[in-house]
Structures are given as structure tokens and as C-alpha cells.
Protein backbone atom coordinates (compact mmCIF):
# COMPACT_ATOMS: atom_id res chain seq x y z
CA MET A 1 30.85 49.59 -28.49
CA MET A 2 34.49 49.55 -29.45
CA LYS A 3 34.05 48.73 -33.15
CA THR A 4 36.94 46.29 -33.16
CA LYS A 5 36.42 43.29 -35.42
CA ILE A 6 37.45 39.99 -33.90
CA ASP A 7 37.21 37.29 -36.57
CA LYS A 8 37.59 34.33 -34.23
CA ALA A 9 37.96 33.85 -30.50
CA LYS A 10 38.50 30.73 -28.44
CA VAL A 11 38.80 30.83 -24.67
CA PHE A 12 40.08 27.94 -22.59
CA VAL A 13 39.86 27.88 -18.81
CA LYS A 14 41.48 25.41 -16.44
CA ALA A 15 40.52 25.42 -12.77
CA ARG A 16 42.38 23.40 -10.17
CA PHE A 17 40.82 22.45 -6.84
CA LYS A 18 41.57 20.07 -4.01
CA SER A 19 39.74 18.71 -1.02
CA GLU A 20 41.09 16.98 2.06
CA GLY A 21 39.74 15.50 5.23
CA SER A 22 36.54 13.72 6.02
CA VAL A 23 32.93 14.85 5.90
CA LEU A 24 32.05 12.27 8.55
CA ARG A 25 34.78 13.49 10.92
CA GLY A 26 33.99 17.13 10.18
CA THR A 27 37.50 17.81 8.87
CA VAL A 28 36.71 18.36 5.20
CA GLU A 29 38.42 21.36 3.59
CA ALA A 30 38.22 22.45 -0.01
CA ALA A 31 40.57 24.91 -1.69
CA GLY A 32 41.08 26.49 -5.06
CA LEU A 33 44.64 25.95 -6.27
CA GLY A 34 44.51 28.26 -9.25
CA PHE A 35 43.03 29.12 -12.59
CA GLU A 36 44.59 29.34 -16.02
CA THR A 37 43.04 31.04 -19.04
CA ARG A 38 44.12 30.98 -22.66
CA CYS A 39 42.49 33.23 -25.22
CA GLU A 40 43.24 32.60 -28.91
CA LEU A 41 42.18 35.52 -31.08
CA GLU A 42 42.20 36.16 -34.81
CA SER A 43 41.79 39.71 -36.07
CA ALA A 44 43.14 42.00 -38.78
CA GLU A 45 42.83 44.93 -36.36
CA ALA A 46 45.87 46.65 -34.84
CA PRO A 47 47.18 44.78 -31.78
CA GLU A 48 46.55 47.80 -29.52
CA LYS A 49 42.84 47.75 -30.49
CA VAL A 50 42.59 44.02 -29.75
CA ALA A 51 44.45 44.56 -26.46
CA SER A 52 41.80 47.14 -25.49
CA VAL A 53 39.06 44.59 -26.15
CA VAL A 54 40.85 42.02 -23.99
CA ARG A 55 41.35 44.56 -21.18
CA ASN A 56 37.69 45.56 -21.24
CA ALA A 57 36.54 41.94 -21.38
CA GLU A 58 38.61 40.97 -18.34
CA ASN A 59 37.82 44.14 -16.38
CA GLY A 60 34.11 43.69 -17.10
CA CYS A 61 33.96 40.00 -16.21
CA TYR A 62 32.37 39.44 -12.80
CA VAL A 63 33.89 35.98 -12.40
CA MET A 64 37.42 37.09 -13.30
CA GLN A 65 37.26 40.09 -10.98
CA THR A 66 35.87 37.99 -8.12
CA ILE A 67 38.84 35.63 -8.43
CA VAL A 68 41.52 38.27 -9.02
CA LYS A 69 40.43 40.69 -6.28
CA PRO A 70 39.59 39.64 -2.72
CA THR A 71 35.81 39.63 -2.44
CA PRO A 72 33.97 39.84 0.86
CA VAL A 73 31.37 37.17 1.52
CA GLU A 74 28.51 37.87 3.89
CA ARG A 75 26.97 34.71 5.33
CA ARG A 76 23.73 34.44 7.26
CA PHE A 77 21.95 31.34 8.52
CA THR A 78 18.52 30.62 9.90
CA LEU A 79 17.28 27.44 11.53
CA ASN A 80 13.51 26.98 11.76
CA GLY A 81 13.08 30.68 11.05
CA ALA A 82 15.45 31.94 13.77
CA ALA A 83 18.97 33.32 13.41
CA PHE A 84 21.52 30.52 13.64
CA GLU A 85 25.30 30.60 14.17
CA PRO A 86 26.64 27.16 13.15
CA GLU A 87 30.20 28.16 14.08
CA SER A 88 29.19 28.32 17.75
CA PHE A 89 28.74 24.52 17.65
CA TRP A 90 32.00 23.72 15.89
CA LYS A 91 34.85 22.20 17.82
CA LYS A 92 37.96 24.35 17.98
CA VAL A 93 40.95 22.53 16.52
């Protein structure tokens, strides 16, 4: 542990998303437009010690790192127990 006393912490997160198209027409598309975070801290510790806590918190957060760094996604599908490739049935636009 870092032994840095944080007296109070509040974290606010805003996520922006959009979706377009139609589920019925098969044209639906969702997208993330961005995230905003605000962290309000109170501490009598030196700012460099608090900054180290913030750095470690962000670097150790799985969600933050997944958003900040490109993350590969491996997708597999089965249909009735057999391998299934849904993309092979999609119309090319």
C-alpha cells in the first residue's frame, strides 16, 4: 500500500453513446462518443503523493485501460451446438 491518506474522494463519470438505424431493417449501429471523468480529492498529503495514487488508480483500473487502449475482442458463436458464423449471412452494404 502507498500509505497516502485521502480524506475524501468523489468520482463522476459521464459516458456518451449514440445509436442509429433500424433493428428491423438490420441497419442498427451503436457507438461510444466519449467518456469524461472528474475526480474531486481532499487530502493534506503532498500533491505528488496524491498524484501517485491517481496514477496507480487509473493504471490499475480494468475499465479505464480497456477504454484508453485498443482492446482485442475475440468472438465465437454456436448454433444448436455447432460453430456458427453469423457474418456469412449478412448482406454486404
